[in-house]
Amino acid sequence: MTKLSSLKENLQKANQRLKEVLELEETQLNQDATIQRFEFCFELSWKLMQEYVRDQGFDCNSPKSCIRQAGQINVLNSIEDWLVFLQARNSVAHIYNEEMAKSVYLEAKKLPKLIDEFLFSIDN
């Protein structure tokens, strides 16, 4: 199995788990689980972007540069949304209040659909 296919398979599984927790009642525990799964999905997403971009003959080293490059080669529909996810992921380490956690939770609700679109784009 190649690194690209392994990352893709892991992202598909992680995205499914994120979808599962998002279907649950919005309790504090489920919000915390969602944020953790969001963070994991984002990490796998940008690493898959990096591998895919490199496979296409381009280069990127940071999440922001990989998001931009993936957008330039048309495998992301919304670079802006992915940059918001990056910002939310970066704030996860600093979540110390309910308002910030709620903000990341709301962003997490948007991620599964965009991951599905990204995975579809790299398959076609």
C-alpha atoms as a PDB file:
ATOM      1  CA  MET A   1       0.000   0.000   0.000  1.00  0.00           C
ATOM      2  CA  THR A   2       1.386   3.415  -0.934  1.00  0.00           C
ATOM      3  CA  LYS A   3       1.618   6.295   1.519  1.00  0.00           C
ATOM      4  CA  LEU A   4      -1.035   8.146  -0.496  1.00  0.00           C
ATOM      5  CA  SER A   5      -3.520   5.263  -0.380  1.00  0.00           C
ATOM      6  CA  SER A   6      -2.815   4.634   3.302  1.00  0.00           C
ATOM      7  CA  LEU A   7      -3.456   8.295   4.193  1.00  0.00           C
ATOM      8  CA  LYS A   8      -6.611   8.275   2.101  1.00  0.00           C
ATOM      9  CA  GLU A   9      -7.947   5.149   3.798  1.00  0.00           C
ATOM     10  CA  ASN A  10      -7.155   6.542   7.256  1.00  0.00           C
ATOM     11  CA  LEU A  11      -8.857   9.837   6.413  1.00  0.00           C
ATOM     12  CA  GLN A  12     -11.981   8.055   5.171  1.00  0.00           C
ATOM     13  CA  LYS A  13     -12.212   6.125   8.448  1.00  0.00           C
ATOM     14  CA  ALA A  14     -11.553   9.204  10.594  1.00  0.00           C
ATOM     15  CA  ASN A  15     -14.124  11.238   8.661  1.00  0.00           C
ATOM     16  CA  GLN A  16     -16.714   8.524   9.226  1.00  0.00           C
ATOM     17  CA  ARG A  17     -16.013   8.645  12.970  1.00  0.00           C
ATOM     18  CA  LEU A  18     -16.385  12.432  12.924  1.00  0.00           C
ATOM     19  CA  LYS A  19     -19.737  12.060  11.159  1.00  0.00           C
ATOM     20  CA  GLU A  20     -20.844   9.545  13.794  1.00  0.00           C
ATOM     21  CA  VAL A  21     -20.123  11.859  16.724  1.00  0.00           C
ATOM     22  CA  LEU A  22     -21.819  14.760  14.940  1.00  0.00           C
ATOM     23  CA  GLU A  23     -25.035  12.728  14.792  1.00  0.00           C
ATOM     24  CA  LEU A  24     -25.132  12.473  18.584  1.00  0.00           C
ATOM     25  CA  GLU A  25     -26.877  14.837  20.946  1.00  0.00           C
ATOM     26  CA  GLU A  26     -24.872  18.015  21.519  1.00  0.00           C
ATOM     27  CA  THR A  27     -23.606  17.372  25.041  1.00  0.00           C
ATOM     28  CA  GLN A  28     -20.351  18.671  26.515  1.00  0.00           C
ATOM     29  CA  LEU A  29     -18.798  15.222  26.181  1.00  0.00           C
ATOM     30  CA  ASN A  30     -19.849  14.899  22.532  1.00  0.00           C
ATOM     31  CA  GLN A  31     -18.617  18.413  21.798  1.00  0.00           C
ATOM     32  CA  ASP A  32     -15.227  17.505  23.251  1.00  0.00           C
ATOM     33  CA  ALA A  33     -15.140  14.278  21.217  1.00  0.00           C
ATOM     34  CA  THR A  34     -16.099  16.192  18.074  1.00  0.00           C
ATOM     35  CA  ILE A  35     -13.302  18.691  18.565  1.00  0.00           C
ATOM     36  CA  GLN A  36     -10.771  15.879  19.048  1.00  0.00           C
ATOM     37  CA  ARG A  37     -11.978  14.060  15.924  1.00  0.00           C
ATOM     38  CA  PHE A  38     -12.019  17.337  13.989  1.00  0.00           C
ATOM     39  CA  GLU A  39      -8.389  17.903  14.897  1.00  0.00           C
ATOM     40  CA  PHE A  40      -7.446  14.378  13.830  1.00  0.00           C
ATOM     41  CA  CYS A  41      -9.355  14.688  10.531  1.00  0.00           C
ATOM     42  CA  PHE A  42      -7.747  18.007   9.746  1.00  0.00           C
ATOM     43  CA  GLU A  43      -4.256  16.617  10.373  1.00  0.00           C
ATOM     44  CA  LEU A  44      -4.886  13.644   8.101  1.00  0.00           C
ATOM     45  CA  SER A  45      -6.431  15.932   5.464  1.00  0.00           C
ATOM     46  CA  TRP A  46      -3.512  18.285   5.149  1.00  0.00           C
ATOM     47  CA  LYS A  47      -1.009  15.409   5.192  1.00  0.00           C
ATOM     48  CA  LEU A  48      -2.961  13.724   2.386  1.00  0.00           C
ATOM     49  CA  MET A  49      -3.018  17.051   0.523  1.00  0.00           C
ATOM     50  CA  GLN A  50       0.744  17.290   0.930  1.00  0.00           C
ATOM     51  CA  GLU A  51       1.291  13.771  -0.390  1.00  0.00           C
ATOM     52  CA  TYR A  52      -1.131  14.294  -3.293  1.00  0.00           C
ATOM     53  CA  VAL A  53       0.403  17.655  -4.231  1.00  0.00           C
ATOM     54  CA  ARG A  54       3.876  16.086  -4.224  1.00  0.00           C
ATOM     55  CA  ASP A  55       2.580  13.175  -6.291  1.00  0.00           C
ATOM     56  CA  GLN A  56       1.413  15.741  -8.865  1.00  0.00           C
ATOM     57  CA  GLY A  57       4.926  17.219  -9.083  1.00  0.00           C
ATOM     58  CA  PHE A  58       4.474  20.240  -6.815  1.00  0.00           C
ATOM     59  CA  ASP A  59       5.707  20.910  -3.314  1.00  0.00           C
ATOM     60  CA  CYS A  60       4.342  22.223  -0.042  1.00  0.00           C
ATOM     61  CA  ASN A  61       5.557  21.934   3.513  1.00  0.00           C
ATOM     62  CA  SER A  62       3.043  23.574   5.823  1.00  0.00           C
ATOM     63  CA  PRO A  63      -0.705  23.114   6.140  1.00  0.00           C
ATOM     64  CA  LYS A  64      -1.335  26.590   4.707  1.00  0.00           C
ATOM     65  CA  SER A  65       0.943  26.073   1.697  1.00  0.00           C
ATOM     66  CA  CYS A  66      -0.550  22.620   1.045  1.00  0.00           C
ATOM     67  CA  ILE A  67      -4.093  23.993   1.195  1.00  0.00           C
ATOM     68  CA  ARG A  68      -3.190  26.751  -1.244  1.00  0.00           C
ATOM     69  CA  GLN A  69      -1.395  24.393  -3.611  1.00  0.00           C
ATOM     70  CA  ALA A  70      -4.241  21.857  -3.494  1.00  0.00           C
ATOM     71  CA  GLY A  71      -6.620  24.684  -4.387  1.00  0.00           C
ATOM     72  CA  GLN A  72      -4.423  25.741  -7.285  1.00  0.00           C
ATOM     73  CA  ILE A  73      -4.500  22.229  -8.737  1.00  0.00           C
ATOM     74  CA  ASN A  74      -8.285  22.133  -8.268  1.00  0.00           C
ATOM     75  CA  VAL A  75      -8.691  19.397  -5.675  1.00  0.00           C
ATOM     76  CA  LEU A  76     -10.244  21.785  -3.145  1.00  0.00           C
ATOM     77  CA  ASN A  77     -13.420  23.715  -3.861  1.00  0.00           C
ATOM     78  CA  SER A  78     -12.930  26.273  -1.108  1.00  0.00           C
ATOM     79  CA  ILE A  79      -9.460  27.286  -0.015  1.00  0.00           C
ATOM     80  CA  GLU A  80     -11.028  29.841   2.329  1.00  0.00           C
ATOM     81  CA  ASP A  81     -12.995  27.194   4.256  1.00  0.00           C
ATOM     82  CA  TRP A  82      -9.885  25.055   4.656  1.00  0.00           C
ATOM     83  CA  LEU A  83      -7.938  28.060   5.964  1.00  0.00           C
ATOM     84  CA  VAL A  84     -10.713  28.609   8.531  1.00  0.00           C
ATOM     85  CA  PHE A  85     -10.355  24.941   9.539  1.00  0.00           C
ATOM     86  CA  LEU A  86      -6.609  25.514   9.926  1.00  0.00           C
ATOM     87  CA  GLN A  87      -7.267  28.465  12.193  1.00  0.00           C
ATOM     88  CA  ALA A  88      -9.767  26.401  14.214  1.00  0.00           C
ATOM     89  CA  ARG A  89      -7.271  23.536  14.479  1.00  0.00           C
ATOM     90  CA  ASN A  90      -4.614  25.964  15.700  1.00  0.00           C
ATOM     91  CA  SER A  91      -6.966  27.320  18.351  1.00  0.00           C
ATOM     92  CA  VAL A  92      -7.746  23.839  19.709  1.00  0.00           C
ATOM     93  CA  ALA A  93      -4.532  23.892  21.741  1.00  0.00           C
ATOM     94  CA  HIS A  94      -5.717  27.112  23.358  1.00  0.00           C
ATOM     95  CA  ILE A  95      -9.325  26.223  24.120  1.00  0.00           C
ATOM     96  CA  TYR A  96      -9.912  27.529  27.579  1.00  0.00           C
ATOM     97  CA  ASN A  97     -13.439  28.800  27.391  1.00  0.00           C
ATOM     98  CA  GLU A  98     -16.827  27.590  26.292  1.00  0.00           C
ATOM     99  CA  GLU A  99     -17.222  30.196  23.550  1.00  0.00           C
ATOM    100  CA  MET A 100     -14.027  29.177  21.774  1.00  0.00           C
ATOM    101  CA  ALA A 101     -14.896  25.478  22.084  1.00  0.00           C
ATOM    102  CA  LYS A 102     -18.346  26.161  20.620  1.00  0.00           C
ATOM    103  CA  SER A 103     -16.762  28.009  17.699  1.00  0.00           C
ATOM    104  CA  VAL A 104     -14.478  25.062  16.875  1.00  0.00           C
ATOM    105  CA  TYR A 105     -17.410  22.669  17.278  1.00  0.00           C
ATOM    106  CA  LEU A 106     -19.418  24.651  14.717  1.00  0.00           C
ATOM    107  CA  GLU A 107     -16.514  24.578  12.258  1.00  0.00           C
ATOM    108  CA  ALA A 108     -16.137  20.831  12.841  1.00  0.00           C
ATOM    109  CA  LYS A 109     -19.694  20.335  11.597  1.00  0.00           C
ATOM    110  CA  LYS A 110     -18.643  21.665   8.171  1.00  0.00           C
ATOM    111  CA  LEU A 111     -15.534  19.522   7.750  1.00  0.00           C
ATOM    112  CA  PRO A 112     -16.955  16.088   6.787  1.00  0.00           C
ATOM    113  CA  LYS A 113     -18.617  17.375   3.613  1.00  0.00           C
ATOM    114  CA  LEU A 114     -15.446  19.130   2.485  1.00  0.00           C
ATOM    115  CA  ILE A 115     -13.367  16.039   3.213  1.00  0.00           C
ATOM    116  CA  ASP A 116     -15.772  14.010   1.071  1.00  0.00           C
ATOM    117  CA  GLU A 117     -15.400  16.552  -1.753  1.00  0.00           C
ATOM    118  CA  PHE A 118     -11.602  16.497  -1.418  1.00  0.00           C
ATOM    119  CA  LEU A 119     -11.481  12.687  -1.487  1.00  0.00           C
ATOM    120  CA  PHE A 120     -13.764  12.648  -4.526  1.00  0.00           C
ATOM    121  CA  SER A 121     -11.535  15.189  -6.304  1.00  0.00           C
ATOM    122  CA  ILE A 122      -8.360  13.184  -5.842  1.00  0.00           C
ATOM    123  CA  ASP A 123     -10.095  10.027  -7.061  1.00  0.00           C
ATOM    124  CA  ASN A 124     -11.178  11.626 -10.336  1.00  0.00           C
END
